[in-house]
Amino acid sequence: MPEPLRSLRLAGIAAVIFMVAGCGHTEGVGASRTLQLGLTEYRLTPENARVSAGVLTIVVHNYGVLTHNLVVSSNGQTVDSTQPIWPGQTTELSLSLAPGDYQMASTIQADQALGEYGTLRVTS
């Protein structure tokens, strides 16, 4: 195989491995009780987070080129949400959370259907 094609192939394989390695990772929230959450087109980062019950501050930054929001829900009921967040802007949510699994999603237009969602697991 010619060297330029081999290098391109190896770079492609490395990129796929890097993307797959990021899937399924759960971010633990530490003593600061603050979760830094990034929004882009059709992705929340981190996608999954874990925190103990109590007050949690979520700092949400829109890294995308489109407007997004963040809705935290449990069993289909909205717990709290942000107003629309313009590209490059940051906002905060402060929540008092009981143990359970919560969904995080951007619900503007088709964001959630296109993959902009994640899970927040709250432990006792």
N, C-alpha and C. Protein backbone atom coordinates (compact mmCIF):
# COMPACT_ATOMS: atom_id res chain seq x y z
N MET A 1 0.85 -1.17 0.00
CA MET A 1 0.00 0.00 0.00
C MET A 1 0.91 1.24 0.00
N PRO A 2 0.64 2.23 -0.88
CA PRO A 2 1.47 3.44 -0.91
C PRO A 2 1.42 4.16 0.44
N GLU A 3 2.55 4.77 0.82
CA GLU A 3 2.69 5.41 2.13
C GLU A 3 1.61 6.46 2.42
N PRO A 4 1.24 7.37 1.47
CA PRO A 4 0.18 8.35 1.80
C PRO A 4 -1.16 7.69 2.11
N LEU A 5 -1.52 6.63 1.39
CA LEU A 5 -2.77 5.93 1.66
C LEU A 5 -2.73 5.20 2.99
N ARG A 6 -1.57 4.61 3.29
CA ARG A 6 -1.42 3.91 4.57
C ARG A 6 -1.56 4.89 5.73
N SER A 7 -0.93 6.06 5.63
CA SER A 7 -1.02 7.08 6.68
C SER A 7 -2.45 7.57 6.85
N LEU A 8 -3.14 7.78 5.72
CA LEU A 8 -4.53 8.23 5.77
C LEU A 8 -5.41 7.17 6.42
N ARG A 9 -5.18 5.92 6.07
CA ARG A 9 -5.96 4.82 6.64
C ARG A 9 -5.74 4.72 8.15
N LEU A 10 -4.48 4.81 8.58
CA LEU A 10 -4.17 4.74 10.01
C LEU A 10 -4.79 5.93 10.76
N ALA A 11 -4.77 7.11 10.15
CA ALA A 11 -5.38 8.28 10.79
C ALA A 11 -6.88 8.08 10.94
N GLY A 12 -7.52 7.49 9.93
CA GLY A 12 -8.95 7.21 9.98
C GLY A 12 -9.29 6.21 11.07
N ILE A 13 -8.50 5.17 11.17
CA ILE A 13 -8.71 4.15 12.20
C ILE A 13 -8.54 4.77 13.59
N ALA A 14 -7.51 5.60 13.75
CA ALA A 14 -7.28 6.24 15.05
C ALA A 14 -8.45 7.16 15.41
N ALA A 15 -8.99 7.89 14.45
CA ALA A 15 -10.12 8.78 14.71
C ALA A 15 -11.34 8.00 15.16
N VAL A 16 -11.61 6.86 14.52
CA VAL A 16 -12.76 6.03 14.90
C VAL A 16 -12.57 5.48 16.31
N ILE A 17 -11.39 5.01 16.62
CA ILE A 17 -11.12 4.48 17.96
C ILE A 17 -11.30 5.58 19.00
N PHE A 18 -10.82 6.79 18.72
CA PHE A 18 -10.93 7.91 19.64
C PHE A 18 -12.40 8.26 19.88
N MET A 19 -13.23 8.28 18.82
CA MET A 19 -14.65 8.61 18.96
C MET A 19 -15.38 7.54 19.76
N VAL A 20 -15.11 6.27 19.47
CA VAL A 20 -15.79 5.18 20.17
C VAL A 20 -15.37 5.14 21.63
N ALA A 21 -14.11 5.45 21.91
CA ALA A 21 -13.64 5.44 23.30
C ALA A 21 -14.39 6.47 24.14
N GLY A 22 -14.84 7.57 23.54
CA GLY A 22 -15.58 8.59 24.26
C GLY A 22 -17.01 8.19 24.56
N CYS A 23 -17.56 7.24 23.84
CA CYS A 23 -18.95 6.82 24.04
C CYS A 23 -19.08 6.04 25.33
N GLY A 24 -20.15 6.29 26.07
CA GLY A 24 -20.42 5.51 27.25
C GLY A 24 -19.68 5.97 28.49
N HIS A 25 -18.82 6.96 28.36
CA HIS A 25 -18.08 7.46 29.52
C HIS A 25 -19.03 8.25 30.43
N THR A 26 -18.90 8.02 31.73
CA THR A 26 -19.71 8.74 32.71
C THR A 26 -18.81 9.67 33.50
N GLU A 27 -19.15 10.95 33.48
CA GLU A 27 -18.40 11.98 34.20
C GLU A 27 -18.90 12.05 35.63
N GLY A 28 -18.01 11.88 36.60
CA GLY A 28 -18.37 12.02 38.00
C GLY A 28 -18.25 13.48 38.43
N VAL A 29 -19.22 13.97 39.18
CA VAL A 29 -19.18 15.34 39.68
C VAL A 29 -18.57 15.31 41.08
N GLY A 30 -17.57 16.14 41.30
CA GLY A 30 -16.84 16.13 42.56
C GLY A 30 -17.45 17.03 43.63
N ALA A 31 -16.61 17.38 44.58
CA ALA A 31 -17.03 18.15 45.76
C ALA A 31 -17.54 19.55 45.41
N SER A 32 -17.16 20.06 44.25
CA SER A 32 -17.62 21.40 43.85
C SER A 32 -19.11 21.43 43.55
N ARG A 33 -19.70 20.23 43.32
CA ARG A 33 -21.13 20.10 43.00
C ARG A 33 -21.49 20.88 41.74
N THR A 34 -20.52 20.99 40.82
CA THR A 34 -20.72 21.72 39.57
C THR A 34 -20.41 20.81 38.40
N LEU A 35 -21.34 20.74 37.47
CA LEU A 35 -21.16 19.97 36.23
C LEU A 35 -21.00 20.95 35.09
N GLN A 36 -19.86 20.86 34.41
CA GLN A 36 -19.61 21.69 33.22
C GLN A 36 -20.16 20.90 32.03
N LEU A 37 -21.15 21.44 31.34
CA LEU A 37 -21.81 20.74 30.25
C LEU A 37 -21.68 21.55 28.97
N GLY A 38 -21.21 20.90 27.91
CA GLY A 38 -21.07 21.56 26.62
C GLY A 38 -22.14 21.08 25.65
N LEU A 39 -22.69 22.01 24.89
CA LEU A 39 -23.67 21.69 23.86
C LEU A 39 -23.08 22.04 22.50
N THR A 40 -23.25 21.15 21.54
CA THR A 40 -22.90 21.41 20.15
C THR A 40 -24.02 20.84 19.31
N GLU A 41 -23.84 20.89 18.02
CA GLU A 41 -24.88 20.33 17.17
C GLU A 41 -25.01 18.83 17.45
N TYR A 42 -26.12 18.51 18.09
CA TYR A 42 -26.57 17.14 18.30
C TYR A 42 -25.68 16.32 19.24
N ARG A 43 -25.04 17.00 20.22
CA ARG A 43 -24.24 16.28 21.21
C ARG A 43 -24.16 17.08 22.51
N LEU A 44 -24.30 16.36 23.63
CA LEU A 44 -24.02 16.90 24.96
C LEU A 44 -22.69 16.31 25.41
N THR A 45 -21.85 17.12 26.04
CA THR A 45 -20.58 16.62 26.54
C THR A 45 -20.39 17.12 27.96
N PRO A 46 -20.27 16.24 28.95
CA PRO A 46 -20.33 14.78 28.83
C PRO A 46 -21.77 14.32 28.60
N GLU A 47 -21.87 13.19 27.95
CA GLU A 47 -23.19 12.62 27.66
C GLU A 47 -23.84 12.02 28.90
N ASN A 48 -23.03 11.48 29.78
CA ASN A 48 -23.52 10.86 31.01
C ASN A 48 -22.76 11.42 32.20
N ALA A 49 -23.49 11.70 33.28
CA ALA A 49 -22.87 12.23 34.49
C ALA A 49 -23.48 11.54 35.71
N ARG A 50 -22.69 11.54 36.80
CA ARG A 50 -23.13 10.92 38.05
C ARG A 50 -22.80 11.88 39.19
N VAL A 51 -23.75 12.04 40.10
CA VAL A 51 -23.56 12.94 41.24
C VAL A 51 -24.38 12.40 42.40
N SER A 52 -23.99 12.74 43.62
CA SER A 52 -24.80 12.35 44.78
C SER A 52 -25.94 13.34 44.94
N ALA A 53 -26.99 12.92 45.63
CA ALA A 53 -28.19 13.73 45.82
C ALA A 53 -27.86 15.06 46.50
N GLY A 54 -28.64 16.07 46.18
CA GLY A 54 -28.45 17.39 46.76
C GLY A 54 -28.46 18.45 45.67
N VAL A 55 -27.94 19.61 46.01
CA VAL A 55 -27.92 20.73 45.07
C VAL A 55 -26.79 20.54 44.07
N LEU A 56 -27.09 20.72 42.81
CA LEU A 56 -26.13 20.62 41.72
C LEU A 56 -26.25 21.86 40.85
N THR A 57 -25.11 22.45 40.52
CA THR A 57 -25.08 23.56 39.56
C THR A 57 -24.57 23.00 38.24
N ILE A 58 -25.35 23.22 37.18
CA ILE A 58 -24.92 22.82 35.84
C ILE A 58 -24.58 24.09 35.08
N VAL A 59 -23.31 24.21 34.68
CA VAL A 59 -22.86 25.33 33.87
C VAL A 59 -22.90 24.85 32.42
N VAL A 60 -23.77 25.47 31.62
CA VAL A 60 -24.03 25.02 30.25
C VAL A 60 -23.45 26.04 29.27
N HIS A 61 -22.56 25.56 28.39
CA HIS A 61 -21.97 26.43 27.37
C HIS A 61 -22.33 25.90 25.99
N ASN A 62 -22.78 26.78 25.13
CA ASN A 62 -23.11 26.41 23.75
C ASN A 62 -21.89 26.63 22.87
N TYR A 63 -21.23 25.52 22.49
CA TYR A 63 -20.07 25.56 21.61
C TYR A 63 -20.47 25.48 20.14
N GLY A 64 -21.75 25.30 19.87
CA GLY A 64 -22.22 25.11 18.51
C GLY A 64 -22.42 26.40 17.75
N VAL A 65 -22.95 26.26 16.53
CA VAL A 65 -23.26 27.41 15.69
C VAL A 65 -24.77 27.67 15.67
N LEU A 66 -25.54 26.77 16.26
CA LEU A 66 -26.99 26.93 16.36
C LEU A 66 -27.38 27.19 17.81
N THR A 67 -28.58 27.69 18.03
CA THR A 67 -29.10 27.92 19.37
C THR A 67 -29.56 26.60 19.98
N HIS A 68 -29.25 26.39 21.25
CA HIS A 68 -29.64 25.17 21.97
C HIS A 68 -30.25 25.57 23.31
N ASN A 69 -30.79 24.60 24.01
CA ASN A 69 -31.23 24.79 25.39
C ASN A 69 -30.90 23.53 26.16
N LEU A 70 -31.19 23.51 27.44
CA LEU A 70 -31.02 22.30 28.24
C LEU A 70 -32.28 22.10 29.06
N VAL A 71 -32.84 20.91 28.95
CA VAL A 71 -34.00 20.52 29.75
C VAL A 71 -33.58 19.30 30.57
N VAL A 72 -33.78 19.35 31.88
CA VAL A 72 -33.54 18.22 32.76
C VAL A 72 -34.91 17.68 33.14
N SER A 73 -35.12 16.38 32.91
CA SER A 73 -36.43 15.79 33.19
C SER A 73 -36.27 14.45 33.90
N SER A 74 -37.37 14.03 34.52
CA SER A 74 -37.43 12.75 35.19
C SER A 74 -38.80 12.15 34.93
N ASN A 75 -38.82 10.92 34.45
CA ASN A 75 -40.09 10.25 34.14
C ASN A 75 -40.98 11.09 33.24
N GLY A 76 -40.39 11.76 32.26
CA GLY A 76 -41.15 12.54 31.30
C GLY A 76 -41.61 13.90 31.79
N GLN A 77 -41.27 14.26 33.03
CA GLN A 77 -41.67 15.55 33.61
C GLN A 77 -40.46 16.47 33.70
N THR A 78 -40.60 17.69 33.23
CA THR A 78 -39.50 18.65 33.29
C THR A 78 -39.22 19.05 34.74
N VAL A 79 -37.96 18.93 35.14
CA VAL A 79 -37.52 19.34 36.46
C VAL A 79 -37.09 20.81 36.41
N ASP A 80 -36.33 21.17 35.38
CA ASP A 80 -35.91 22.54 35.16
C ASP A 80 -35.36 22.65 33.74
N SER A 81 -35.26 23.89 33.25
CA SER A 81 -34.74 24.09 31.90
C SER A 81 -34.16 25.49 31.77
N THR A 82 -33.32 25.66 30.77
CA THR A 82 -32.77 26.98 30.46
C THR A 82 -33.62 27.63 29.38
N GLN A 83 -33.43 28.91 29.24
CA GLN A 83 -33.93 29.62 28.08
C GLN A 83 -33.02 29.22 26.91
N PRO A 84 -33.35 29.56 25.68
CA PRO A 84 -32.43 29.28 24.57
C PRO A 84 -31.06 29.90 24.83
N ILE A 85 -30.03 29.16 24.48
CA ILE A 85 -28.65 29.59 24.69
C ILE A 85 -28.04 29.85 23.31
N TRP A 86 -27.70 31.07 23.04
CA TRP A 86 -27.14 31.45 21.74
C TRP A 86 -25.72 30.92 21.60
N PRO A 87 -25.24 30.73 20.38
CA PRO A 87 -23.87 30.25 20.16
C PRO A 87 -22.86 31.10 20.93
N GLY A 88 -21.94 30.42 21.61
CA GLY A 88 -20.90 31.09 22.37
C GLY A 88 -21.31 31.56 23.75
N GLN A 89 -22.58 31.39 24.11
CA GLN A 89 -23.08 31.87 25.40
C GLN A 89 -23.07 30.76 26.46
N THR A 90 -23.10 31.17 27.73
CA THR A 90 -23.10 30.25 28.86
C THR A 90 -24.23 30.65 29.81
N THR A 91 -24.85 29.65 30.42
CA THR A 91 -25.86 29.90 31.45
C THR A 91 -25.72 28.83 32.53
N GLU A 92 -26.43 29.00 33.63
CA GLU A 92 -26.36 28.04 34.74
C GLU A 92 -27.75 27.61 35.17
N LEU A 93 -27.84 26.37 35.62
CA LEU A 93 -29.03 25.85 36.29
C LEU A 93 -28.59 25.38 37.67
N SER A 94 -29.36 25.68 38.68
CA SER A 94 -29.10 25.17 40.02
C SER A 94 -30.30 24.31 40.40
N LEU A 95 -30.04 23.03 40.66
CA LEU A 95 -31.10 22.06 40.91
C LEU A 95 -30.89 21.36 42.24
N SER A 96 -31.97 21.04 42.91
CA SER A 96 -31.94 20.18 44.09
C SER A 96 -32.48 18.83 43.64
N LEU A 97 -31.61 17.82 43.60
CA LEU A 97 -31.98 16.54 43.00
C LEU A 97 -32.03 15.40 44.01
N ALA A 98 -33.10 14.65 43.95
CA ALA A 98 -33.25 13.42 44.73
C ALA A 98 -32.62 12.27 43.94
N PRO A 99 -32.31 11.15 44.60
CA PRO A 99 -31.75 10.02 43.88
C PRO A 99 -32.67 9.57 42.74
N GLY A 100 -32.05 9.15 41.65
CA GLY A 100 -32.79 8.66 40.49
C GLY A 100 -32.05 8.97 39.21
N ASP A 101 -32.65 8.60 38.09
CA ASP A 101 -32.08 8.86 36.78
C ASP A 101 -32.84 10.00 36.13
N TYR A 102 -32.10 10.96 35.61
CA TYR A 102 -32.66 12.13 34.96
C TYR A 102 -32.16 12.18 33.52
N GLN A 103 -32.97 12.72 32.65
CA GLN A 103 -32.58 12.90 31.28
C GLN A 103 -32.20 14.35 31.08
N MET A 104 -31.15 14.57 30.29
CA MET A 104 -30.73 15.91 29.91
C MET A 104 -30.83 15.98 28.40
N ALA A 105 -31.41 17.04 27.87
CA ALA A 105 -31.56 17.14 26.42
C ALA A 105 -31.74 18.58 25.98
N SER A 106 -31.34 18.84 24.75
CA SER A 106 -31.73 20.08 24.09
C SER A 106 -33.00 19.76 23.33
N THR A 107 -34.01 20.58 23.51
CA THR A 107 -35.32 20.27 22.92
C THR A 107 -35.72 21.26 21.83
N ILE A 108 -34.79 22.08 21.39
CA ILE A 108 -35.09 23.02 20.31
C ILE A 108 -35.10 22.26 19.00
N GLN A 109 -36.16 22.42 18.25
CA GLN A 109 -36.38 21.74 16.97
C GLN A 109 -36.13 20.25 17.12
N ALA A 110 -35.24 19.66 16.34
CA ALA A 110 -35.03 18.21 16.35
C ALA A 110 -33.77 17.79 17.10
N ASP A 111 -33.21 18.68 17.95
CA ASP A 111 -31.95 18.37 18.63
C ASP A 111 -31.97 17.01 19.32
N GLN A 112 -33.00 16.75 20.13
CA GLN A 112 -33.05 15.51 20.90
C GLN A 112 -33.14 14.30 19.98
N ALA A 113 -33.97 14.36 18.96
CA ALA A 113 -34.12 13.25 18.03
C ALA A 113 -32.83 12.97 17.27
N LEU A 114 -31.99 14.00 17.11
CA LEU A 114 -30.74 13.84 16.38
C LEU A 114 -29.56 13.49 17.30
N GLY A 115 -29.82 13.27 18.59
CA GLY A 115 -28.78 12.75 19.47
C GLY A 115 -28.29 13.68 20.56
N GLU A 116 -28.90 14.85 20.71
CA GLU A 116 -28.43 15.79 21.73
C GLU A 116 -29.15 15.53 23.05
N TYR A 117 -28.72 14.45 23.72
CA TYR A 117 -29.31 14.07 24.99
C TYR A 117 -28.30 13.27 25.80
N GLY A 118 -28.57 13.12 27.08
CA GLY A 118 -27.71 12.35 27.95
C GLY A 118 -28.44 12.00 29.23
N THR A 119 -27.72 11.36 30.15
CA THR A 119 -28.30 10.89 31.39
C THR A 119 -27.54 11.45 32.58
N LEU A 120 -28.28 11.85 33.59
CA LEU A 120 -27.72 12.29 34.86
C LEU A 120 -28.20 11.31 35.92
N ARG A 121 -27.27 10.54 36.49
CA ARG A 121 -27.61 9.58 37.54
C ARG A 121 -27.29 10.20 38.89
N VAL A 122 -28.30 10.28 39.74
CA VAL A 122 -28.15 10.86 41.07
C VAL A 122 -28.23 9.71 42.08
N THR A 123 -27.19 9.58 42.88
CA THR A 123 -27.12 8.50 43.86
C THR A 123 -27.38 9.03 45.26
N SER A 124 -27.72 8.12 46.17
CA SER A 124 -28.00 8.57 47.55
C SER A 124 -26.74 8.67 48.36
